[in-house]
Amino acid sequence: MAEVHVIGQIIGATGFSESSLFCKWGIHTGAAWKLLSGVREGQTQVDTPQIGDMAYWSHPIDLHFATKGLQGWPRLHLQVWSQDSFGRCQLAGYGFCHVPSSPGTHQLDCPTWRPLGSWREQLARAFVGGGPQLLHADTIYSGADRYRLHTAAAGTVHLGIGLLLRHFDRYGVEC
């Protein structure tokens, strides 16, 4: 079977109106993909930017996959959350990006968005906190229902990813 090594980090995030940010992440693949080592999901620590608006996480990602085909290439889904002074967490943004398919190092910028909800939910978010969230996380990367959502742009998550491909030539895939 062909193998893919994804090695890198979630560097941080910029452009969010909230502070004290952290990121929950996961990786989604098709049925032909098998995770040999690493964890499919994780969470960064909370960072409050002191200078500028960049929240630094430097959270490592180290995954090793085996695959029988290219269908279902890995994609990262991200949820950025903010934490207030009372320890309450609220959604700051959702995003996803495809893992690059060419070997080497890549710098990725993943734009994020958040659901707006009704005007009452927007008003409640401004004064009380909280706000609308997705019921099903797969809506983040599947386009089927995403077009019906009313959303607002959030910030950008920055990733540094290194990709190693192995035995793809044996299966007729040129890199």
Protein backbone atom coordinates (compact mmCIF):
# COMPACT_ATOMS: atom_id res chain seq x y z
CA MET A 1 0.00 0.00 0.00
CA ALA A 2 1.09 3.56 -0.66
CA GLU A 3 1.99 5.64 2.39
CA VAL A 4 1.63 9.31 3.32
CA HIS A 5 3.42 10.98 6.23
CA VAL A 6 1.99 14.33 7.37
CA ILE A 7 4.39 16.13 9.69
CA GLY A 8 4.01 19.73 10.79
CA GLN A 9 2.32 22.11 13.15
CA ILE A 10 -0.61 24.42 13.67
CA ILE A 11 1.40 27.62 13.96
CA GLY A 12 -1.32 29.97 15.18
CA ALA A 13 -4.13 32.28 14.15
CA THR A 14 -4.67 35.91 13.16
CA GLY A 15 -7.61 38.17 12.42
CA PHE A 16 -9.99 37.02 15.16
CA SER A 17 -11.89 39.68 17.11
CA GLU A 18 -11.71 37.53 20.25
CA SER A 19 -8.61 36.90 22.38
CA SER A 20 -7.57 33.85 24.43
CA LEU A 21 -7.91 31.49 21.49
CA PHE A 22 -7.43 27.73 21.18
CA CYS A 23 -7.99 25.33 18.30
CA LYS A 24 -9.64 21.91 18.13
CA TRP A 25 -8.52 20.02 15.03
CA GLY A 26 -9.16 16.72 13.32
CA ILE A 27 -8.34 14.96 10.09
CA HIS A 28 -10.90 13.31 7.82
CA THR A 29 -10.07 10.71 5.16
CA GLY A 30 -11.92 8.41 2.80
CA ALA A 31 -12.65 4.73 3.39
CA ALA A 32 -9.50 3.55 1.56
CA TRP A 33 -7.22 5.29 4.08
CA LYS A 34 -5.86 3.67 7.23
CA LEU A 35 -4.13 5.56 10.04
CA LEU A 36 -0.94 3.67 10.94
CA SER A 37 0.35 6.04 13.64
CA GLY A 38 -0.59 9.36 15.18
CA VAL A 39 -3.87 10.73 16.49
CA ARG A 40 -6.82 11.81 14.34
CA GLU A 41 -7.76 14.81 16.47
CA GLY A 42 -6.38 17.12 19.11
CA GLN A 43 -6.55 20.48 20.81
CA THR A 44 -4.04 23.27 21.30
CA GLN A 45 -3.43 25.28 24.43
CA VAL A 46 -5.05 28.70 24.99
CA ASP A 47 -2.95 31.70 23.92
CA THR A 48 -3.70 35.34 24.60
CA PRO A 49 -1.72 37.61 22.24
CA GLN A 50 0.26 40.26 24.11
CA ILE A 51 1.64 42.13 21.08
CA GLY A 52 -0.28 42.15 17.81
CA ASP A 53 -3.17 39.83 17.05
CA MET A 54 -1.30 36.55 16.40
CA ALA A 55 -2.18 33.72 18.78
CA TYR A 56 0.75 31.26 18.75
CA TRP A 57 0.10 27.56 19.34
CA SER A 58 2.94 25.65 17.63
CA HIS A 59 0.88 22.48 18.08
CA PRO A 60 2.52 19.41 16.47
CA ILE A 61 0.83 17.19 13.89
CA ASP A 62 2.41 13.83 13.08
CA LEU A 63 0.33 11.34 11.08
CA HIS A 64 1.20 8.25 9.05
CA PHE A 65 -1.38 6.86 6.61
CA ALA A 66 -1.55 3.88 4.27
CA THR A 67 -3.91 4.00 1.31
CA LYS A 68 -5.18 1.89 -1.56
CA GLY A 69 -6.18 4.90 -3.68
CA LEU A 70 -6.26 8.67 -3.95
CA GLN A 71 -9.98 9.03 -3.32
CA GLY A 72 -10.68 10.60 0.06
CA TRP A 73 -7.36 12.49 0.32
CA PRO A 74 -6.88 13.80 3.91
CA ARG A 75 -8.31 17.16 4.91
CA LEU A 76 -7.91 19.03 8.17
CA HIS A 77 -10.97 20.47 9.86
CA LEU A 78 -10.47 23.21 12.44
CA GLN A 79 -12.56 24.81 15.15
CA VAL A 80 -11.20 27.94 16.79
CA TRP A 81 -12.63 28.77 20.22
CA SER A 82 -12.18 31.69 22.59
CA GLN A 83 -12.16 31.55 26.36
CA ASP A 84 -13.28 34.43 28.57
CA SER A 85 -12.01 35.41 32.03
CA PHE A 86 -14.59 33.11 33.66
CA GLY A 87 -13.38 30.06 31.71
CA ARG A 88 -16.42 29.98 29.41
CA CYS A 89 -15.72 28.96 25.83
CA GLN A 90 -17.46 30.19 22.70
CA LEU A 91 -16.97 29.39 19.04
CA ALA A 92 -14.79 31.84 17.11
CA GLY A 93 -14.70 30.03 13.75
CA TYR A 94 -14.80 26.84 11.66
CA GLY A 95 -12.49 26.02 8.76
CA PHE A 96 -10.99 23.22 6.71
CA CYS A 97 -8.18 22.74 4.23
CA HIS A 98 -6.96 19.86 2.10
CA VAL A 99 -3.60 18.36 2.94
CA PRO A 100 -1.33 19.16 -0.05
CA SER A 101 -0.79 16.30 -2.48
CA SER A 102 2.78 17.12 -3.47
CA PRO A 103 5.75 16.14 -1.29
CA GLY A 104 7.74 18.83 0.48
CA THR A 105 7.02 21.61 2.93
CA HIS A 106 3.94 23.79 2.61
CA GLN A 107 2.66 26.89 4.41
CA LEU A 108 -1.13 26.84 4.53
CA ASP A 109 -3.51 29.64 5.49
CA CYS A 110 -6.94 28.32 6.38
CA PRO A 111 -9.72 30.95 6.40
CA THR A 112 -12.43 30.42 9.00
CA TRP A 113 -16.08 31.41 9.34
CA ARG A 114 -18.80 31.20 11.96
CA PRO A 115 -22.59 30.83 11.66
CA LEU A 116 -24.48 34.09 12.16
CA GLY A 117 -27.89 32.85 13.27
CA SER A 118 -30.92 35.08 13.68
CA TRP A 119 -30.71 38.72 14.80
CA ARG A 120 -31.72 37.60 18.31
CA GLU A 121 -28.85 35.09 18.43
CA GLN A 122 -26.45 37.78 17.20
CA LEU A 123 -27.65 40.16 19.89
CA ALA A 124 -27.35 37.47 22.57
CA ARG A 125 -23.81 36.65 21.38
CA ALA A 126 -22.79 40.31 21.73
CA PHE A 127 -24.11 40.68 25.29
CA VAL A 128 -24.21 37.21 26.87
CA GLY A 129 -21.78 35.18 24.76
CA GLY A 130 -22.27 31.84 23.10
CA GLY A 131 -23.90 31.83 19.70
CA PRO A 132 -24.99 29.31 17.09
CA GLN A 133 -22.90 26.20 16.44
CA LEU A 134 -23.14 23.41 13.89
CA LEU A 135 -24.94 20.26 14.98
CA HIS A 136 -22.83 18.04 12.71
CA ALA A 137 -19.12 18.74 12.35
CA ASP A 138 -18.98 17.14 8.89
CA THR A 139 -20.87 20.18 7.56
CA ILE A 140 -17.54 22.02 7.80
CA TYR A 141 -16.01 20.12 4.88
CA SER A 142 -19.03 18.79 2.99
CA GLY A 143 -20.59 21.32 0.65
CA ALA A 144 -24.05 19.73 0.65
CA ASP A 145 -25.65 21.85 3.39
CA ARG A 146 -23.03 24.57 3.79
CA TYR A 147 -24.48 26.79 1.05
CA ARG A 148 -27.65 27.36 3.11
CA LEU A 149 -25.80 28.80 6.11
CA HIS A 150 -25.56 32.52 6.83
CA THR A 151 -21.99 33.06 7.96
CA ALA A 152 -19.49 35.75 8.89
CA ALA A 153 -15.78 35.65 8.16
CA ALA A 154 -13.68 35.04 11.25
CA GLY A 155 -9.86 34.86 11.12
CA THR A 156 -7.14 32.74 9.55
CA VAL A 157 -5.34 29.70 10.97
CA HIS A 158 -1.73 29.27 9.83
CA LEU A 159 -0.23 25.79 9.37
CA GLY A 160 3.19 24.48 8.39
CA ILE A 161 2.94 21.00 6.85
CA GLY A 162 5.61 18.65 5.54
CA LEU A 163 4.51 15.77 3.34
CA LEU A 164 6.35 12.54 2.54
CA LEU A 165 4.98 10.09 -0.02
CA ARG A 166 6.15 6.47 -0.22
CA HIS A 167 5.46 3.64 -2.72
CA PHE A 168 3.12 5.71 -4.88
CA ASP A 169 5.11 4.75 -7.98
CA ARG A 170 4.33 1.07 -7.35
CA TYR A 171 0.64 1.88 -7.67
CA GLY A 172 0.92 3.92 -10.86
CA VAL A 173 0.76 7.37 -9.27
CA GLU A 174 3.40 9.87 -10.40
CA CYS A 175 4.46 12.52 -7.89
